Amino acid sequence: MQVLYFAWVRERIGRPREEVQSDAATVAELVEELRGREERYAAAFADLSALRVALDQELSEFTDSLDGVREVAFFPPMTGG
């Protein structure tokens, strides 16, 4: 699946996207796999309350299933005015 990183998540990881092969069943399991890769991923995913996730461009939860998902995007909460 394609994993996309936006804003400071992209800055910490050092790339905007990557193709990831994973057996993770949920977003939370995918995050655990990514955290285990190296320190920059651990830093980016240290505080999940500071992150949002979208699955195939729909706002989702970290407990949601990855079954059939082609794109996962991680980004900080948006503020507007």
C-alpha atoms as a PDB file:
ATOM      1  CA  MET A   1       0.000   0.000   0.000  1.00  0.00           C
ATOM      2  CA  GLN A   2       1.036   3.621  -0.438  1.00  0.00           C
ATOM      3  CA  VAL A   3       1.733   5.453   2.815  1.00  0.00           C
ATOM      4  CA  LEU A   4       1.706   9.247   2.621  1.00  0.00           C
ATOM      5  CA  TYR A   5       3.169  11.652   5.180  1.00  0.00           C
ATOM      6  CA  PHE A   6       2.198  15.325   5.460  1.00  0.00           C
ATOM      7  CA  ALA A   7       3.496  18.416   7.288  1.00  0.00           C
ATOM      8  CA  TRP A   8       5.791  17.707  10.263  1.00  0.00           C
ATOM      9  CA  VAL A   9       5.241  13.942   9.892  1.00  0.00           C
ATOM     10  CA  ARG A  10       6.922  14.142   6.475  1.00  0.00           C
ATOM     11  CA  GLU A  11       9.675  16.344   7.902  1.00  0.00           C
ATOM     12  CA  ARG A  12      10.485  13.881  10.699  1.00  0.00           C
ATOM     13  CA  ILE A  13      10.445  10.827   8.447  1.00  0.00           C
ATOM     14  CA  GLY A  14      12.224  12.585   5.589  1.00  0.00           C
ATOM     15  CA  ARG A  15      10.009  11.484   2.723  1.00  0.00           C
ATOM     16  CA  PRO A  16       6.531  12.335   1.433  1.00  0.00           C
ATOM     17  CA  ARG A  17       5.461   8.775   0.607  1.00  0.00           C
ATOM     18  CA  GLU A  18       6.555   5.182   0.326  1.00  0.00           C
ATOM     19  CA  GLU A  19       5.272   1.802  -0.725  1.00  0.00           C
ATOM     20  CA  VAL A  20       4.858  -0.410   2.351  1.00  0.00           C
ATOM     21  CA  GLN A  21       4.358  -4.162   2.480  1.00  0.00           C
ATOM     22  CA  SER A  22       2.626  -5.048   5.725  1.00  0.00           C
ATOM     23  CA  ASP A  23       0.632  -7.802   7.391  1.00  0.00           C
ATOM     24  CA  ALA A  24      -0.934  -5.266   9.775  1.00  0.00           C
ATOM     25  CA  ALA A  25      -4.690  -5.696  10.229  1.00  0.00           C
ATOM     26  CA  THR A  26      -5.333  -2.183  11.582  1.00  0.00           C
ATOM     27  CA  VAL A  27      -3.830   1.269  11.300  1.00  0.00           C
ATOM     28  CA  ALA A  28      -2.521   0.949  14.868  1.00  0.00           C
ATOM     29  CA  GLU A  29      -0.651  -2.245  13.936  1.00  0.00           C
ATOM     30  CA  LEU A  30       0.831  -0.504  10.891  1.00  0.00           C
ATOM     31  CA  VAL A  31       1.995   2.359  13.110  1.00  0.00           C
ATOM     32  CA  GLU A  32       3.710  -0.145  15.430  1.00  0.00           C
ATOM     33  CA  GLU A  33       5.509  -1.694  12.457  1.00  0.00           C
ATOM     34  CA  LEU A  34       6.616   1.742  11.240  1.00  0.00           C
ATOM     35  CA  ARG A  35       7.770   2.795  14.730  1.00  0.00           C
ATOM     36  CA  GLY A  36       9.998  -0.269  14.831  1.00  0.00           C
ATOM     37  CA  ARG A  37      11.808   0.627  11.611  1.00  0.00           C
ATOM     38  CA  GLU A  38      14.080   3.325  12.995  1.00  0.00           C
ATOM     39  CA  GLU A  39      14.233   6.391  15.244  1.00  0.00           C
ATOM     40  CA  ARG A  40      12.783   8.882  12.766  1.00  0.00           C
ATOM     41  CA  TYR A  41       9.579   6.828  12.478  1.00  0.00           C
ATOM     42  CA  ALA A  42       9.433   6.397  16.253  1.00  0.00           C
ATOM     43  CA  ALA A  43       9.676  10.192  16.606  1.00  0.00           C
ATOM     44  CA  ALA A  44       6.986  10.838  14.007  1.00  0.00           C
ATOM     45  CA  PHE A  45       4.549   8.402  15.633  1.00  0.00           C
ATOM     46  CA  ALA A  46       5.433   9.076  19.277  1.00  0.00           C
ATOM     47  CA  ASP A  47       2.135  10.844  20.075  1.00  0.00           C
ATOM     48  CA  LEU A  48      -0.837   9.477  18.143  1.00  0.00           C
ATOM     49  CA  SER A  49      -3.139  12.047  19.733  1.00  0.00           C
ATOM     50  CA  ALA A  50      -1.277  14.616  17.602  1.00  0.00           C
ATOM     51  CA  LEU A  51      -2.022  12.710  14.382  1.00  0.00           C
ATOM     52  CA  ARG A  52      -4.931  11.989  12.093  1.00  0.00           C
ATOM     53  CA  VAL A  53      -5.193   9.227   9.519  1.00  0.00           C
ATOM     54  CA  ALA A  54      -7.076   8.838   6.256  1.00  0.00           C
ATOM     55  CA  LEU A  55      -7.675   5.547   4.482  1.00  0.00           C
ATOM     56  CA  ASP A  56      -8.220   5.861   0.744  1.00  0.00           C
ATOM     57  CA  GLN A  57      -8.796   9.597   1.293  1.00  0.00           C
ATOM     58  CA  GLU A  58     -11.460   9.199   4.001  1.00  0.00           C
ATOM     59  CA  LEU A  59     -10.822  10.367   7.561  1.00  0.00           C
ATOM     60  CA  SER A  60     -10.474   7.242   9.696  1.00  0.00           C
ATOM     61  CA  GLU A  61      -9.509   5.955  13.132  1.00  0.00           C
ATOM     62  CA  PHE A  62      -6.361   4.142  14.232  1.00  0.00           C
ATOM     63  CA  THR A  63      -8.531   1.131  15.131  1.00  0.00           C
ATOM     64  CA  ASP A  64      -9.876   0.823  11.563  1.00  0.00           C
ATOM     65  CA  SER A  65      -9.113  -2.179   9.381  1.00  0.00           C
ATOM     66  CA  LEU A  66      -6.597  -2.010   6.562  1.00  0.00           C
ATOM     67  CA  ASP A  67      -8.407  -4.744   4.612  1.00  0.00           C
ATOM     68  CA  GLY A  68      -8.481  -3.669   0.966  1.00  0.00           C
ATOM     69  CA  VAL A  69      -6.925  -0.263   1.691  1.00  0.00           C
ATOM     70  CA  ARG A  70      -4.604   1.060  -1.011  1.00  0.00           C
ATOM     71  CA  GLU A  71      -3.567   4.377   0.546  1.00  0.00           C
ATOM     72  CA  VAL A  72      -2.885   5.441   4.137  1.00  0.00           C
ATOM     73  CA  ALA A  73      -2.162   9.097   4.899  1.00  0.00           C
ATOM     74  CA  PHE A  74      -0.840  10.485   8.176  1.00  0.00           C
ATOM     75  CA  PHE A  75      -1.120  14.192   9.007  1.00  0.00           C
ATOM     76  CA  PRO A  76      -1.490  16.556  11.958  1.00  0.00           C
ATOM     77  CA  PRO A  77      -4.947  17.907  12.795  1.00  0.00           C
ATOM     78  CA  MET A  78      -6.021  20.740  10.557  1.00  0.00           C
ATOM     79  CA  THR A  79      -6.981  24.123  11.917  1.00  0.00           C
ATOM     80  CA  GLY A  80      -8.838  26.711   9.976  1.00  0.00           C
ATOM     81  CA  GLY A  81     -10.204  30.141  10.198  1.00  0.00           C
END
